[in-house]
């Protein structure tokens, strides 16, 4: 009995199906929380927002590490092809849905709780936009890796790995400390 490779098309389809079901359950839970008890939905929405942020950040911190190792893999090698699958699945199955949920729930909280007011909130949203731009850059870079067109050395990806970390630190400080009104 042979074990199926996780980079196969069949394994990929099953992975996408599981991710789609998980996303549907997550979105359904959000809808249920808002429908059943809108008055108490705040804490649930906040918790789900934090879960989405953690998932998104995990991807943003892991993807450049994959790029570092992918840079060292010979073009066309099994290792390079495996990195391509890993990068695309990370983006499509974790990072993109987590980013979208983060944005939707974050904007809902900014509107329902803060009325989009407060300098700290405006700064936070600006930094989340910068995080989104970083996400788009990483996604485009993964596509370039997929075409074997990476033009950056591993050092570039080591430096780029710090961008989401720095943005996350400042965002957390803004949310917790609210240094300016």
Protein backbone atom coordinates (compact mmCIF):
# COMPACT_ATOMS: atom_id res chain seq x y z
CA UNK A 1 0.00 0.00 0.00
CA UNK A 2 1.61 3.27 -1.09
CA UNK A 3 1.05 6.53 0.67
CA UNK A 4 -0.22 9.42 -1.43
CA UNK A 5 2.11 12.41 -1.80
CA UNK A 6 0.76 15.61 -0.29
CA UNK A 7 1.84 17.52 -3.40
CA UNK A 8 -0.45 15.45 -5.63
CA UNK A 9 -3.53 16.88 -7.33
CA UNK A 10 -5.87 14.59 -5.38
CA UNK A 11 -4.38 15.62 -2.03
CA UNK A 12 -4.62 19.25 -3.13
CA UNK A 13 -8.32 18.91 -3.97
CA UNK A 14 -9.04 17.34 -0.59
CA UNK A 15 -7.07 20.09 1.12
CA UNK A 16 -9.05 22.79 -0.67
CA UNK A 17 -12.31 21.03 0.17
CA UNK A 18 -11.43 20.82 3.87
CA UNK A 19 -10.38 24.47 3.88
CA UNK A 20 -13.63 25.48 2.16
CA UNK A 21 -15.68 23.56 4.71
CA UNK A 22 -13.72 25.13 7.59
CA UNK A 23 -14.20 28.61 6.13
CA UNK A 24 -17.94 27.99 5.64
CA UNK A 25 -18.25 26.81 9.25
CA UNK A 26 -16.34 29.89 10.46
CA UNK A 27 -18.51 32.29 8.44
CA UNK A 28 -21.65 30.41 9.49
CA UNK A 29 -20.63 30.76 13.13
CA UNK A 30 -20.17 34.51 12.68
CA UNK A 31 -23.62 34.77 11.09
CA UNK A 32 -25.14 32.69 13.91
CA UNK A 33 -23.56 34.86 16.59
CA UNK A 34 -24.86 38.03 14.95
CA UNK A 35 -28.32 36.54 14.43
CA UNK A 36 -28.89 34.83 17.78
CA UNK A 37 -27.61 37.50 20.15
CA UNK A 38 -26.57 40.74 18.43
CA UNK A 39 -26.25 42.54 21.78
CA UNK A 40 -23.58 40.13 23.00
CA UNK A 41 -21.96 39.64 19.60
CA UNK A 42 -19.13 42.09 20.34
CA UNK A 43 -17.00 39.69 22.38
CA UNK A 44 -17.56 36.85 19.90
CA UNK A 45 -16.70 39.07 16.94
CA UNK A 46 -13.62 40.34 18.76
CA UNK A 47 -12.49 36.77 19.55
CA UNK A 48 -13.04 35.66 15.95
CA UNK A 49 -11.19 38.76 14.71
CA UNK A 50 -8.20 37.87 16.91
CA UNK A 51 -8.26 34.26 15.66
CA UNK A 52 -8.24 35.51 12.05
CA UNK A 53 -5.41 37.95 12.81
CA UNK A 54 -3.32 35.18 14.38
CA UNK A 55 -3.90 32.94 11.35
CA UNK A 56 -3.02 35.74 8.93
CA UNK A 57 0.11 36.67 10.86
CA UNK A 58 1.23 33.03 11.01
CA UNK A 59 1.13 32.97 7.21
CA UNK A 60 2.84 36.34 6.84
CA UNK A 61 5.65 35.19 9.13
CA UNK A 62 6.02 31.73 7.58
CA UNK A 63 5.84 32.54 3.86
CA UNK A 64 9.09 34.57 3.68
CA UNK A 65 10.82 31.70 5.52
CA UNK A 66 9.63 29.37 2.77
CA UNK A 67 10.99 31.87 0.23
CA UNK A 68 14.42 31.78 1.92
CA UNK A 69 14.59 28.01 1.59
CA UNK A 70 13.02 28.07 -1.89
CA UNK A 71 15.73 30.47 -3.06
CA UNK A 72 18.36 27.82 -2.27
CA UNK A 73 16.46 25.00 -4.04
CA UNK A 74 17.62 24.27 -7.59
CA UNK A 75 15.03 25.26 -10.23
CA UNK A 76 13.01 22.24 -11.33
CA UNK A 77 14.09 20.10 -8.37
CA UNK A 78 11.61 18.11 -6.32
CA UNK A 79 12.38 20.44 -3.43
CA UNK A 80 11.57 23.54 -5.52
CA UNK A 81 8.32 22.03 -6.76
CA UNK A 82 7.33 21.12 -3.19
CA UNK A 83 7.97 24.70 -2.05
CA UNK A 84 5.72 25.96 -4.86
CA UNK A 85 2.85 23.78 -3.61
CA UNK A 86 3.45 24.79 0.01
CA UNK A 87 3.53 28.50 -0.84
CA UNK A 88 0.38 28.44 -2.94
CA UNK A 89 -1.60 26.41 -0.43
CA UNK A 90 -0.48 28.64 2.42
CA UNK A 91 -1.65 31.73 0.54
CA UNK A 92 -4.92 30.33 -0.81
CA UNK A 93 -6.03 28.23 2.14
CA UNK A 94 -4.84 30.21 5.15
CA UNK A 95 -3.59 33.69 4.38
CA UNK A 96 -6.24 34.95 1.93
CA UNK A 97 -9.28 33.78 3.96
CA UNK A 98 -7.70 34.96 7.23
CA UNK A 99 -6.92 38.37 5.74
CA UNK A 100 -10.47 38.78 4.45
CA UNK A 101 -12.03 37.75 7.74
CA UNK A 102 -9.63 40.04 9.62
CA UNK A 103 -10.66 42.99 7.45
CA UNK A 104 -14.41 42.33 7.60
CA UNK A 105 -14.54 41.77 11.36
CA UNK A 106 -12.02 44.54 12.05
CA UNK A 107 -14.03 47.08 10.06
CA UNK A 108 -17.22 45.88 11.79
CA UNK A 109 -15.58 46.46 15.20
CA UNK A 110 -14.13 49.83 14.14
CA UNK A 111 -17.58 50.95 13.05
CA UNK A 112 -19.77 49.40 15.76
CA UNK A 113 -17.52 50.07 18.75
CA UNK A 114 -15.49 53.16 17.85
CA UNK A 115 -17.51 54.80 15.07
CA UNK A 116 -14.28 54.98 13.06
CA UNK A 117 -13.00 57.68 15.42
CA UNK A 118 -9.72 57.98 17.25
CA UNK A 119 -6.23 58.74 16.04
CA UNK A 120 -4.93 55.37 17.24
CA UNK A 121 -7.62 53.62 15.16
CA UNK A 122 -6.74 55.60 12.03
CA UNK A 123 -3.06 54.77 12.53
CA UNK A 124 -3.94 51.10 13.08
CA UNK A 125 -6.00 50.96 9.89
CA UNK A 126 -3.13 52.60 7.96
CA UNK A 127 -0.74 49.94 9.29
CA UNK A 128 -3.19 47.14 8.45
CA UNK A 129 -3.26 48.55 4.92
CA UNK A 130 0.56 48.32 4.94
CA UNK A 131 0.23 44.71 6.16
CA UNK A 132 -2.17 44.03 3.29
CA UNK A 133 0.30 45.55 0.80
CA UNK A 134 2.95 43.22 2.26
CA UNK A 135 0.54 40.30 1.79
CA UNK A 136 0.01 41.26 -1.87
CA UNK A 137 3.78 41.57 -2.40
CA UNK A 138 4.31 38.10 -0.91
CA UNK A 139 1.50 36.67 -3.05
CA UNK A 140 3.00 38.11 -6.22
CA UNK A 141 6.41 36.84 -5.18
CA UNK A 142 5.00 33.33 -4.70
CA UNK A 143 3.63 33.51 -8.24
CA UNK A 144 7.09 34.56 -9.46
CA UNK A 145 8.61 31.58 -7.61
CA UNK A 146 5.93 29.42 -9.25
CA UNK A 147 7.20 30.57 -12.67
CA UNK A 148 10.83 30.09 -11.52
CA UNK A 149 11.36 33.85 -11.79
CA UNK A 150 12.50 34.81 -8.30
CA UNK A 151 14.95 37.69 -8.62
CA UNK A 152 15.79 38.18 -4.94
CA UNK A 153 18.50 36.55 -2.84
CA UNK A 154 17.75 34.84 0.47
CA UNK A 155 18.97 37.98 2.30
CA UNK A 156 16.10 39.98 0.77
CA UNK A 157 13.58 37.48 2.12
CA UNK A 158 15.24 37.53 5.55
CA UNK A 159 14.76 41.30 5.64
CA UNK A 160 11.21 41.06 4.28
CA UNK A 161 10.42 38.59 7.06
CA UNK A 162 10.83 41.48 9.51
CA UNK A 163 8.23 43.73 7.87
CA UNK A 164 5.11 41.91 9.15
CA UNK A 165 6.77 41.53 12.57
CA UNK A 166 7.39 45.26 12.94
CA UNK A 167 3.91 46.16 11.68
CA UNK A 168 2.33 43.64 14.07
CA UNK A 169 4.22 45.04 17.06
CA UNK A 170 3.13 48.60 16.33
CA UNK A 171 -0.48 47.54 15.65
CA UNK A 172 -0.70 45.64 18.95
CA UNK A 173 0.71 48.63 20.84
CA UNK A 174 -1.82 50.94 19.19
CA UNK A 175 -4.74 48.63 20.05
CA UNK A 176 -3.73 47.95 23.65
CA UNK A 177 -2.23 51.30 24.70
CA UNK A 178 -4.28 53.63 22.45
CA UNK A 179 -1.50 56.25 22.77
CA UNK A 180 -3.48 59.04 21.17
CA UNK A 181 -7.22 59.69 21.01
